[in-house]
């Protein structure tokens, strides 16, 4: 008897980015990837190593190297703002944190 394919498989096959995010199985080799391998693969693509949803880096001139990207509300100097707050990103980069940044993190913690 032939088994019917699950809907989830159809969804994953249709959207390759969803397959990258949700699957730790490399279907070509049958190898199950660990967390480090998944984050390394995302870094090589220029995406956030935590979520894999946001593109944090762009290819440099002539495709050599990577440059940090900045987009309002998404990425701040190569750090994903879906996974980190602006306050955390500035602390990670060693930048001065203004009172506005501190207020935003305190406001979210009180809620």
PDB file of N, CA and C in Angstrom:
ATOM      1  N   UNK A   1       0.821  -1.185   0.000  1.00  0.00           N
ATOM      2  CA  UNK A   1       0.000   0.000   0.000  1.00  0.00           C
ATOM      3  C   UNK A   1       0.869   1.255   0.000  1.00  0.00           C
ATOM      4  N   UNK A   2       0.409   2.284  -0.659  1.00  0.00           N
ATOM      5  CA  UNK A   2       1.136   3.535  -0.740  1.00  0.00           C
ATOM      6  C   UNK A   2       0.641   4.484   0.351  1.00  0.00           C
ATOM      7  N   UNK A   3       1.576   5.043   1.112  1.00  0.00           N
ATOM      8  CA  UNK A   3       1.194   5.957   2.186  1.00  0.00           C
ATOM      9  C   UNK A   3       1.019   7.366   1.645  1.00  0.00           C
ATOM     10  N   UNK A   4       0.038   8.049   2.168  1.00  0.00           N
ATOM     11  CA  UNK A   4      -0.191   9.438   1.770  1.00  0.00           C
ATOM     12  C   UNK A   4       0.824  10.335   2.473  1.00  0.00           C
ATOM     13  N   UNK A   5       1.284  11.349   1.770  1.00  0.00           N
ATOM     14  CA  UNK A   5       2.222  12.297   2.364  1.00  0.00           C
ATOM     15  C   UNK A   5       1.475  13.230   3.314  1.00  0.00           C
ATOM     16  N   UNK A   6       2.138  13.585   4.378  1.00  0.00           N
ATOM     17  CA  UNK A   6       1.500  14.488   5.327  1.00  0.00           C
ATOM     18  C   UNK A   6       1.486  15.909   4.776  1.00  0.00           C
ATOM     19  N   UNK A   7       0.569  16.723   5.281  1.00  0.00           N
ATOM     20  CA  UNK A   7       0.470  18.110   4.843  1.00  0.00           C
ATOM     21  C   UNK A   7       1.717  18.888   5.224  1.00  0.00           C
ATOM     22  N   UNK A   8       2.293  18.537   6.356  1.00  0.00           N
ATOM     23  CA  UNK A   8       3.486  19.231   6.817  1.00  0.00           C
ATOM     24  C   UNK A   8       4.627  19.069   5.823  1.00  0.00           C
ATOM     25  N   UNK A   9       4.795  17.885   5.249  1.00  0.00           N
ATOM     26  CA  UNK A   9       5.842  17.665   4.255  1.00  0.00           C
ATOM     27  C   UNK A   9       5.617  18.523   3.016  1.00  0.00           C
ATOM     28  N   UNK A  10       4.365  18.643   2.591  1.00  0.00           N
ATOM     29  CA  UNK A  10       4.067  19.466   1.427  1.00  0.00           C
ATOM     30  C   UNK A  10       4.438  20.913   1.713  1.00  0.00           C
ATOM     31  N   UNK A  11       4.108  21.383   2.912  1.00  0.00           N
ATOM     32  CA  UNK A  11       4.429  22.756   3.285  1.00  0.00           C
ATOM     33  C   UNK A  11       5.933  22.970   3.279  1.00  0.00           C
ATOM     34  N   UNK A  12       6.694  22.058   3.865  1.00  0.00           N
ATOM     35  CA  UNK A  12       8.139  22.202   3.936  1.00  0.00           C
ATOM     36  C   UNK A  12       8.775  22.143   2.555  1.00  0.00           C
ATOM     37  N   UNK A  13       8.236  21.318   1.686  1.00  0.00           N
ATOM     38  CA  UNK A  13       8.792  21.216   0.339  1.00  0.00           C
ATOM     39  C   UNK A  13       8.499  22.484  -0.465  1.00  0.00           C
ATOM     40  N   UNK A  14       7.355  23.119  -0.191  1.00  0.00           N
ATOM     41  CA  UNK A  14       6.970  24.305  -0.945  1.00  0.00           C
ATOM     42  C   UNK A  14       7.766  25.534  -0.515  1.00  0.00           C
ATOM     43  N   UNK A  15       8.126  25.626   0.758  1.00  0.00           N
ATOM     44  CA  UNK A  15       8.820  26.792   1.273  1.00  0.00           C
ATOM     45  C   UNK A  15      10.189  26.389   1.803  1.00  0.00           C
ATOM     46  N   UNK A  16      11.262  26.596   1.041  1.00  0.00           N
ATOM     47  CA  UNK A  16      12.593  26.157   1.474  1.00  0.00           C
ATOM     48  C   UNK A  16      13.091  26.875   2.719  1.00  0.00           C
ATOM     49  N   UNK A  17      12.663  28.125   2.940  1.00  0.00           N
ATOM     50  CA  UNK A  17      13.102  28.819   4.148  1.00  0.00           C
ATOM     51  C   UNK A  17      12.473  28.194   5.379  1.00  0.00           C
ATOM     52  N   UNK A  18      11.234  27.732   5.275  1.00  0.00           N
ATOM     53  CA  UNK A  18      10.585  27.068   6.405  1.00  0.00           C
ATOM     54  C   UNK A  18      11.287  25.749   6.696  1.00  0.00           C
ATOM     55  N   UNK A  19      11.737  25.085   5.673  1.00  0.00           N
ATOM     56  CA  UNK A  19      12.448  23.824   5.859  1.00  0.00           C
ATOM     57  C   UNK A  19      13.754  24.072   6.606  1.00  0.00           C
ATOM     58  N   UNK A  20      14.451  25.154   6.273  1.00  0.00           N
ATOM     59  CA  UNK A  20      15.696  25.487   6.957  1.00  0.00           C
ATOM     60  C   UNK A  20      15.435  25.812   8.421  1.00  0.00           C
ATOM     61  N   UNK A  21      14.384  26.560   8.702  1.00  0.00           N
ATOM     62  CA  UNK A  21      14.097  26.976  10.070  1.00  0.00           C
ATOM     63  C   UNK A  21      13.628  25.829  10.938  1.00  0.00           C
ATOM     64  N   UNK A  22      12.749  24.996  10.408  1.00  0.00           N
ATOM     65  CA  UNK A  22      12.044  24.040  11.246  1.00  0.00           C
ATOM     66  C   UNK A  22      12.636  22.645  11.266  1.00  0.00           C
ATOM     67  N   UNK A  23      13.566  22.368  10.398  1.00  0.00           N
ATOM     68  CA  UNK A  23      14.062  21.011  10.297  1.00  0.00           C
ATOM     69  C   UNK A  23      15.535  20.931  10.645  1.00  0.00           C
ATOM     70  N   UNK A  24      15.880  19.963  11.462  1.00  0.00           N
ATOM     71  CA  UNK A  24      17.289  19.724  11.745  1.00  0.00           C
ATOM     72  C   UNK A  24      17.780  18.516  10.956  1.00  0.00           C
ATOM     73  N   UNK A  25      16.955  18.025  10.040  1.00  0.00           N
ATOM     74  CA  UNK A  25      17.300  16.865   9.236  1.00  0.00           C
ATOM     75  C   UNK A  25      17.745  17.306   7.850  1.00  0.00           C
ATOM     76  N   UNK A  26      18.922  16.876   7.442  1.00  0.00           N
ATOM     77  CA  UNK A  26      19.395  17.122   6.087  1.00  0.00           C
ATOM     78  C   UNK A  26      18.889  15.965   5.239  1.00  0.00           C
ATOM     79  N   UNK A  27      17.877  16.231   4.442  1.00  0.00           N
ATOM     80  CA  UNK A  27      17.219  15.155   3.704  1.00  0.00           C
ATOM     81  C   UNK A  27      18.116  14.523   2.643  1.00  0.00           C
ATOM     82  N   UNK A  28      19.083  15.289   2.141  1.00  0.00           N
ATOM     83  CA  UNK A  28      19.972  14.747   1.105  1.00  0.00           C
ATOM     84  C   UNK A  28      20.856  13.633   1.662  1.00  0.00           C
ATOM     85  N   UNK A  29      21.371  13.817   2.880  1.00  0.00           N
ATOM     86  CA  UNK A  29      22.284  12.833   3.459  1.00  0.00           C
ATOM     87  C   UNK A  29      21.656  12.013   4.578  1.00  0.00           C
ATOM     88  N   UNK A  30      20.532  12.475   5.122  1.00  0.00           N
ATOM     89  CA  UNK A  30      19.904  11.776   6.243  1.00  0.00           C
ATOM     90  C   UNK A  30      20.557  12.108   7.577  1.00  0.00           C
ATOM     91  N   UNK A  31      21.424  13.118   7.586  1.00  0.00           N
ATOM     92  CA  UNK A  31      22.150  13.521   8.786  1.00  0.00           C
ATOM     93  C   UNK A  31      21.293  14.482   9.615  1.00  0.00           C
ATOM     94  N   UNK A  32      21.223  14.248  10.914  1.00  0.00           N
ATOM     95  CA  UNK A  32      20.508  15.156  11.809  1.00  0.00           C
ATOM     96  C   UNK A  32      21.509  16.179  12.326  1.00  0.00           C
ATOM     97  N   UNK A  33      21.212  17.462  12.049  1.00  0.00           N
ATOM     98  CA  UNK A  33      22.129  18.538  12.438  1.00  0.00           C
ATOM     99  C   UNK A  33      21.931  18.930  13.890  1.00  0.00           C
ATOM    100  N   UNK A  34      23.037  19.265  14.556  1.00  0.00           N
ATOM    101  CA  UNK A  34      22.915  19.778  15.912  1.00  0.00           C
ATOM    102  C   UNK A  34      22.790  21.302  15.855  1.00  0.00           C
ATOM    103  N   UNK A  35      22.627  21.928  17.001  1.00  0.00           N
ATOM    104  CA  UNK A  35      22.395  23.371  17.071  1.00  0.00           C
ATOM    105  C   UNK A  35      23.542  24.174  16.474  1.00  0.00           C
ATOM    106  N   UNK A  36      24.769  23.753  16.723  1.00  0.00           N
ATOM    107  CA  UNK A  36      25.928  24.484  16.196  1.00  0.00           C
ATOM    108  C   UNK A  36      25.955  24.448  14.674  1.00  0.00           C
ATOM    109  N   UNK A  37      25.649  23.300  14.094  1.00  0.00           N
ATOM    110  CA  UNK A  37      25.651  23.178  12.630  1.00  0.00           C
ATOM    111  C   UNK A  37      24.568  24.050  12.009  1.00  0.00           C
ATOM    112  N   UNK A  38      23.415  24.111  12.655  1.00  0.00           N
ATOM    113  CA  UNK A  38      22.310  24.928  12.137  1.00  0.00           C
ATOM    114  C   UNK A  38      22.695  26.401  12.173  1.00  0.00           C
ATOM    115  N   UNK A  39      23.273  26.864  13.294  1.00  0.00           N
ATOM    116  CA  UNK A  39      23.646  28.282  13.387  1.00  0.00           C
ATOM    117  C   UNK A  39      24.780  28.619  12.414  1.00  0.00           C
ATOM    118  N   UNK A  40      25.720  27.705  12.191  1.00  0.00           N
ATOM    119  CA  UNK A  40      26.792  27.950  11.226  1.00  0.00           C
ATOM    120  C   UNK A  40      26.246  28.066   9.801  1.00  0.00           C
ATOM    121  N   UNK A  41      25.281  27.228   9.473  1.00  0.00           N
ATOM    122  CA  UNK A  41      24.674  27.280   8.140  1.00  0.00           C
ATOM    123  C   UNK A  41      23.967  28.617   7.934  1.00  0.00           C
ATOM    124  N   UNK A  42      23.281  29.093   8.983  1.00  0.00           N
ATOM    125  CA  UNK A  42      22.587  30.372   8.896  1.00  0.00           C
ATOM    126  C   UNK A  42      23.579  31.525   8.754  1.00  0.00           C
ATOM    127  N   UNK A  43      24.695  31.467   9.492  1.00  0.00           N
ATOM    128  CA  UNK A  43      25.716  32.515   9.398  1.00  0.00           C
ATOM    129  C   UNK A  43      26.298  32.578   7.994  1.00  0.00           C
ATOM    130  N   UNK A  44      26.519  31.418   7.378  1.00  0.00           N
ATOM    131  CA  UNK A  44      27.073  31.378   6.024  1.00  0.00           C
ATOM    132  C   UNK A  44      26.130  32.018   5.012  1.00  0.00           C
ATOM    133  N   UNK A  45      24.828  31.973   5.295  1.00  0.00           N
ATOM    134  CA  UNK A  45      23.840  32.598   4.420  1.00  0.00           C
ATOM    135  C   UNK A  45      23.615  34.067   4.752  1.00  0.00           C
ATOM    136  N   UNK A  46      24.254  34.555   5.829  1.00  0.00           N
ATOM    137  CA  UNK A  46      24.102  35.951   6.222  1.00  0.00           C
ATOM    138  C   UNK A  46      22.852  36.204   7.034  1.00  0.00           C
ATOM    139  N   UNK A  47      22.323  35.164   7.668  1.00  0.00           N
ATOM    140  CA  UNK A  47      21.093  35.299   8.448  1.00  0.00           C
ATOM    141  C   UNK A  47      21.400  35.250   9.937  1.00  0.00           C
ATOM    142  N   UNK A  48      20.406  35.600  10.729  1.00  0.00           N
ATOM    143  CA  UNK A  48      20.539  35.563  12.187  1.00  0.00           C
ATOM    144  C   UNK A  48      20.772  34.121  12.629  1.00  0.00           C
ATOM    145  N   UNK A  49      21.812  33.850  13.434  1.00  0.00           N
ATOM    146  CA  UNK A  49      22.079  32.480  13.851  1.00  0.00           C
ATOM    147  C   UNK A  49      21.042  31.911  14.828  1.00  0.00           C
ATOM    148  N   UNK A  50      20.288  32.788  15.494  1.00  0.00           N
ATOM    149  CA  UNK A  50      19.284  32.310  16.450  1.00  0.00           C
ATOM    150  C   UNK A  50      17.980  31.905  15.776  1.00  0.00           C
ATOM    151  N   UNK A  51      17.410  32.824  14.977  1.00  0.00           N
ATOM    152  CA  UNK A  51      16.094  32.548  14.386  1.00  0.00           C
ATOM    153  C   UNK A  51      16.161  32.138  12.921  1.00  0.00           C
ATOM    154  N   UNK A  52      17.137  32.624  12.181  1.00  0.00           N
ATOM    155  CA  UNK A  52      17.252  32.296  10.765  1.00  0.00           C
ATOM    156  C   UNK A  52      16.243  33.000   9.885  1.00  0.00           C
ATOM    157  N   UNK A  53      15.494  33.947  10.438  1.00  0.00           N
ATOM    158  CA  UNK A  53      14.455  34.635   9.676  1.00  0.00           C
ATOM    159  C   UNK A  53      14.935  35.931   9.042  1.00  0.00           C
ATOM    160  N   UNK A  54      15.834  36.630   9.727  1.00  0.00           N
ATOM    161  CA  UNK A  54      16.249  37.961   9.309  1.00  0.00           C
ATOM    162  C   UNK A  54      17.646  37.905   8.695  1.00  0.00           C
ATOM    163  N   UNK A  55      17.807  38.558   7.561  1.00  0.00           N
ATOM    164  CA  UNK A  55      19.111  38.646   6.925  1.00  0.00           C
ATOM    165  C   UNK A  55      19.884  39.783   7.588  1.00  0.00           C
ATOM    166  N   UNK A  56      20.968  39.447   8.297  1.00  0.00           N
ATOM    167  CA  UNK A  56      21.713  40.425   9.085  1.00  0.00           C
ATOM    168  C   UNK A  56      22.953  40.952   8.380  1.00  0.00           C
ATOM    169  N   UNK A  57      23.448  40.265   7.367  1.00  0.00           N
ATOM    170  CA  UNK A  57      24.658  40.671   6.662  1.00  0.00           C
ATOM    171  C   UNK A  57      24.430  40.619   5.157  1.00  0.00           C
ATOM    172  N   UNK A  58      25.125  41.493   4.441  1.00  0.00           N
ATOM    173  CA  UNK A  58      25.084  41.513   2.979  1.00  0.00           C
ATOM    174  C   UNK A  58      26.452  41.106   2.454  1.00  0.00           C
ATOM    175  N   UNK A  59      26.459  40.568   1.243  1.00  0.00           N
ATOM    176  CA  UNK A  59      27.748  40.241   0.619  1.00  0.00           C
ATOM    177  C   UNK A  59      28.464  41.534   0.273  1.00  0.00           C
ATOM    178  N   UNK A  60      29.776  41.520   0.448  1.00  0.00           N
ATOM    179  CA  UNK A  60      30.593  42.702   0.200  1.00  0.00           C
ATOM    180  C   UNK A  60      30.821  42.947  -1.280  1.00  0.00           C
ATOM    181  N   UNK A  61      31.746  43.832  -1.561  1.00  0.00           N
ATOM    182  CA  UNK A  61      32.077  44.204  -2.933  1.00  0.00           C
ATOM    183  C   UNK A  61      32.616  42.978  -3.673  1.00  0.00           C
ATOM    184  N   UNK A  62      32.119  42.747  -4.854  1.00  0.00           N
ATOM    185  CA  UNK A  62      32.501  41.613  -5.710  1.00  0.00           C
ATOM    186  C   UNK A  62      32.219  40.265  -5.036  1.00  0.00           C
ATOM    187  N   UNK A  63      31.297  40.235  -4.089  1.00  0.00           N
ATOM    188  CA  UNK A  63      30.936  38.983  -3.414  1.00  0.00           C
ATOM    189  C   UNK A  63      31.965  38.498  -2.416  1.00  0.00           C
ATOM    190  N   UNK A  64      32.897  39.371  -2.041  1.00  0.00           N
ATOM    191  CA  UNK A  64      33.941  38.989  -1.089  1.00  0.00           C
ATOM    192  C   UNK A  64      33.555  39.457   0.309  1.00  0.00           C
ATOM    193  N   UNK A  65      33.545  38.535   1.260  1.00  0.00           N
ATOM    194  CA  UNK A  65      33.267  38.885   2.651  1.00  0.00           C
ATOM    195  C   UNK A  65      31.824  39.297   2.883  1.00  0.00           C
ATOM    196  N   UNK A  66      31.549  39.695   4.098  1.00  0.00           N
ATOM    197  CA  UNK A  66      30.205  40.116   4.485  1.00  0.00           C
ATOM    198  C   UNK A  66      30.283  41.488   5.138  1.00  0.00           C
ATOM    199  N   UNK A  67      29.269  42.304   4.924  1.00  0.00           N
ATOM    200  CA  UNK A  67      29.163  43.591   5.596  1.00  0.00           C
ATOM    201  C   UNK A  67      27.919  43.587   6.467  1.00  0.00           C
ATOM    202  N   UNK A  68      28.017  44.233   7.625  1.00  0.00           N
ATOM    203  CA  UNK A  68      26.893  44.288   8.556  1.00  0.00           C
ATOM    204  C   UNK A  68      25.802  45.169   7.978  1.00  0.00           C
ATOM    205  N   UNK A  69      24.575  44.729   8.116  1.00  0.00           N
ATOM    206  CA  UNK A  69      23.429  45.434   7.565  1.00  0.00           C
ATOM    207  C   UNK A  69      22.710  46.178   8.681  1.00  0.00           C
ATOM    208  N   UNK A  70      22.056  47.280   8.342  1.00  0.00           N
ATOM    209  CA  UNK A  70      21.217  48.014   9.285  1.00  0.00           C
ATOM    210  C   UNK A  70      19.924  48.377   8.580  1.00  0.00           C
ATOM    211  N   UNK A  71      18.795  47.914   9.133  1.00  0.00           N
ATOM    212  CA  UNK A  71      17.468  48.253   8.630  1.00  0.00           C
ATOM    213  C   UNK A  71      16.592  48.603   9.829  1.00  0.00           C
ATOM    214  N   UNK A  72      15.862  49.683   9.723  1.00  0.00           N
ATOM    215  CA  UNK A  72      15.031  50.189  10.808  1.00  0.00           C
ATOM    216  C   UNK A  72      14.055  49.129  11.312  1.00  0.00           C
ATOM    217  N   UNK A  73      14.146  48.800  12.585  1.00  0.00           N
ATOM    218  CA  UNK A  73      13.221  47.861  13.207  1.00  0.00           C
ATOM    219  C   UNK A  73      13.518  46.392  12.959  1.00  0.00           C
ATOM    220  N   UNK A  74      14.516  46.058  12.122  1.00  0.00           N
ATOM    221  CA  UNK A  74      14.829  44.658  11.830  1.00  0.00           C
ATOM    222  C   UNK A  74      16.243  44.271  12.245  1.00  0.00           C
ATOM    223  N   UNK A  75      17.216  45.093  11.804  1.00  0.00           N
ATOM    224  CA  UNK A  75      18.629  44.783  12.039  1.00  0.00           C
ATOM    225  C   UNK A  75      19.349  46.052  12.466  1.00  0.00           C
ATOM    226  N   UNK A  76      20.193  45.950  13.483  1.00  0.00           N
ATOM    227  CA  UNK A  76      21.030  47.073  13.900  1.00  0.00           C
ATOM    228  C   UNK A  76      22.486  46.630  13.857  1.00  0.00           C
ATOM    229  N   UNK A  77      23.226  47.127  12.871  1.00  0.00           N
ATOM    230  CA  UNK A  77      24.646  46.825  12.685  1.00  0.00           C
ATOM    231  C   UNK A  77      24.949  45.328  12.767  1.00  0.00           C
ATOM    232  N   UNK A  78      24.144  44.543  12.054  1.00  0.00           N
ATOM    233  CA  UNK A  78      24.381  43.105  11.962  1.00  0.00           C
ATOM    234  C   UNK A  78      23.765  42.274  13.074  1.00  0.00           C
ATOM    235  N   UNK A  79      22.987  42.887  13.962  1.00  0.00           N
ATOM    236  CA  UNK A  79      22.348  42.150  15.057  1.00  0.00           C
ATOM    237  C   UNK A  79      20.839  42.162  14.851  1.00  0.00           C
ATOM    238  N   UNK A  80      20.243  40.996  14.883  1.00  0.00           N
ATOM    239  CA  UNK A  80      18.811  40.822  14.657  1.00  0.00           C
ATOM    240  C   UNK A  80      18.017  41.445  15.804  1.00  0.00           C
ATOM    241  N   UNK A  81      17.047  42.290  15.474  1.00  0.00           N
ATOM    242  CA  UNK A  81      16.221  42.913  16.501  1.00  0.00           C
ATOM    243  C   UNK A  81      14.970  42.101  16.813  1.00  0.00           C
ATOM    244  N   UNK A  82      14.784  40.985  16.132  1.00  0.00           N
ATOM    245  CA  UNK A  82      13.711  40.056  16.527  1.00  0.00           C
ATOM    246  C   UNK A  82      14.151  39.233  17.731  1.00  0.00           C
ATOM    247  N   UNK A  83      15.446  38.931  17.787  1.00  0.00           N
ATOM    248  CA  UNK A  83      15.996  38.104  18.862  1.00  0.00           C
ATOM    249  C   UNK A  83      16.585  38.937  19.996  1.00  0.00           C
ATOM    250  N   UNK A  84      16.962  40.175  19.719  1.00  0.00           N
ATOM    251  CA  UNK A  84      17.588  41.060  20.704  1.00  0.00           C
ATOM    252  C   UNK A  84      16.879  42.407  20.685  1.00  0.00           C
ATOM    253  N   UNK A  85      16.898  43.086  21.825  1.00  0.00           N
ATOM    254  CA  UNK A  85      16.381  44.442  21.857  1.00  0.00           C
ATOM    255  C   UNK A  85      17.486  45.385  21.382  1.00  0.00           C
ATOM    256  N   UNK A  86      17.120  46.617  21.074  1.00  0.00           N
ATOM    257  CA  UNK A  86      18.110  47.604  20.666  1.00  0.00           C
ATOM    258  C   UNK A  86      19.096  47.841  21.799  1.00  0.00           C
ATOM    259  N   UNK A  87      18.619  47.813  23.015  1.00  0.00           N
ATOM    260  CA  UNK A  87      19.472  47.968  24.204  1.00  0.00           C
ATOM    261  C   UNK A  87      20.536  46.872  24.244  1.00  0.00           C
ATOM    262  N   UNK A  88      20.125  45.608  24.049  1.00  0.00           N
ATOM    263  CA  UNK A  88      21.068  44.482  24.063  1.00  0.00           C
ATOM    264  C   UNK A  88      22.060  44.585  22.908  1.00  0.00           C
ATOM    265  N   UNK A  89      21.576  45.011  21.738  1.00  0.00           N
ATOM    266  CA  UNK A  89      22.454  45.135  20.575  1.00  0.00           C
ATOM    267  C   UNK A  89      23.544  46.173  20.825  1.00  0.00           C
ATOM    268  N   UNK A  90      23.170  47.310  21.396  1.00  0.00           N
ATOM    269  CA  UNK A  90      24.156  48.354  21.674  1.00  0.00           C
ATOM    270  C   UNK A  90      25.156  47.893  22.732  1.00  0.00           C
ATOM    271  N   UNK A  91      24.685  47.171  23.747  1.00  0.00           N
ATOM    272  CA  UNK A  91      25.600  46.649  24.759  1.00  0.00           C
ATOM    273  C   UNK A  91      26.573  45.645  24.148  1.00  0.00           C
ATOM    274  N   UNK A  92      26.093  44.792  23.272  1.00  0.00           N
ATOM    275  CA  UNK A  92      26.937  43.793  22.614  1.00  0.00           C
ATOM    276  C   UNK A  92      28.029  44.465  21.786  1.00  0.00           C
ATOM    277  N   UNK A  93      27.675  45.547  21.121  1.00  0.00           N
ATOM    278  CA  UNK A  93      28.631  46.262  20.277  1.00  0.00           C
ATOM    279  C   UNK A  93      29.531  47.201  21.077  1.00  0.00           C
ATOM    280  N   UNK A  94      29.230  47.378  22.362  1.00  0.00           N
ATOM    281  CA  UNK A  94      30.040  48.255  23.200  1.00  0.00           C
ATOM    282  C   UNK A  94      29.750  49.722  22.990  1.00  0.00           C
ATOM    283  N   UNK A  95      28.571  50.035  22.488  1.00  0.00           N
ATOM    284  CA  UNK A  95      28.197  51.424  22.250  1.00  0.00           C
ATOM    285  C   UNK A  95      27.562  52.025  23.490  1.00  0.00           C
ATOM    286  N   UNK A  96      27.560  53.350  23.529  1.00  0.00           N
ATOM    287  CA  UNK A  96      26.918  54.053  24.640  1.00  0.00           C
ATOM    288  C   UNK A  96      25.407  53.865  24.544  1.00  0.00           C
ATOM    289  N   UNK A  97      24.797  53.606  25.694  1.00  0.00           N
ATOM    290  CA  UNK A  97      23.352  53.382  25.743  1.00  0.00           C
ATOM    291  C   UNK A  97      22.700  54.639  26.287  1.00  0.00           C
ATOM    292  N   UNK A  98      21.774  55.187  25.521  1.00  0.00           N
ATOM    293  CA  UNK A  98      21.078  56.402  25.943  1.00  0.00           C
ATOM    294  C   UNK A  98      19.938  56.102  26.895  1.00  0.00           C
ATOM    295  N   UNK A  99      19.395  57.155  27.459  1.00  0.00           N
ATOM    296  CA  UNK A  99      18.281  56.974  28.399  1.00  0.00           C
ATOM    297  C   UNK A  99      17.040  56.459  27.682  1.00  0.00           C
ATOM    298  N   UNK A 100      16.888  56.799  26.405  1.00  0.00           N
ATOM    299  CA  UNK A 100      15.741  56.290  25.634  1.00  0.00           C
ATOM    300  C   UNK A 100      15.814  54.781  25.498  1.00  0.00           C
ATOM    301  N   UNK A 101      17.015  54.261  25.265  1.00  0.00           N
ATOM    302  CA  UNK A 101      17.189  52.818  25.108  1.00  0.00           C
ATOM    303  C   UNK A 101      16.897  52.097  26.423  1.00  0.00           C
ATOM    304  N   UNK A 102      17.394  52.648  27.529  1.00  0.00           N
ATOM    305  CA  UNK A 102      17.140  52.030  28.828  1.00  0.00           C
ATOM    306  C   UNK A 102      15.667  52.053  29.166  1.00  0.00           C
ATOM    307  N   UNK A 103      15.000  53.141  28.842  1.00  0.00           N
ATOM    308  CA  UNK A 103      13.574  53.257  29.119  1.00  0.00           C
ATOM    309  C   UNK A 103      12.763  52.220  28.369  1.00  0.00           C
ATOM    310  N   UNK A 104      13.158  51.932  27.123  1.00  0.00           N
ATOM    311  CA  UNK A 104      12.408  50.962  26.342  1.00  0.00           C
ATOM    312  C   UNK A 104      12.542  49.566  26.919  1.00  0.00           C
ATOM    313  N   UNK A 105      13.732  49.217  27.433  1.00  0.00           N
ATOM    314  CA  UNK A 105      13.898  47.884  28.004  1.00  0.00           C
ATOM    315  C   UNK A 105      13.200  47.786  29.357  1.00  0.00           C
ATOM    316  N   UNK A 106      13.226  48.842  30.147  1.00  0.00           N
ATOM    317  CA  UNK A 106      12.536  48.817  31.438  1.00  0.00           C
ATOM    318  C   UNK A 106      11.028  48.772  31.247  1.00  0.00           C
ATOM    319  N   UNK A 107      10.526  49.476  30.245  1.00  0.00           N
ATOM    320  CA  UNK A 107       9.090  49.466  29.964  1.00  0.00           C
ATOM    321  C   UNK A 107       8.604  48.099  29.570  1.00  0.00           C
ATOM    322  N   UNK A 108       9.383  47.353  28.815  1.00  0.00           N
ATOM    323  CA  UNK A 108       8.955  46.020  28.390  1.00  0.00           C
ATOM    324  C   UNK A 108       9.049  45.037  29.543  1.00  0.00           C
ATOM    325  N   UNK A 109       9.990  45.254  30.465  1.00  0.00           N
ATOM    326  CA  UNK A 109      10.141  44.324  31.589  1.00  0.00           C
ATOM    327  C   UNK A 109       9.007  44.497  32.602  1.00  0.00           C
ATOM    328  N   UNK A 110       8.417  45.685  32.716  1.00  0.00           N
ATOM    329  CA  UNK A 110       7.359  45.928  33.680  1.00  0.00           C
ATOM    330  C   UNK A 110       6.030  45.359  33.231  1.00  0.00           C
ATOM    331  N   UNK A 111       5.850  45.166  31.963  1.00  0.00           N
ATOM    332  CA  UNK A 111       4.558  44.679  31.439  1.00  0.00           C
ATOM    333  C   UNK A 111       4.262  43.282  31.824  1.00  0.00           C
TER     334      UNK A 111
END
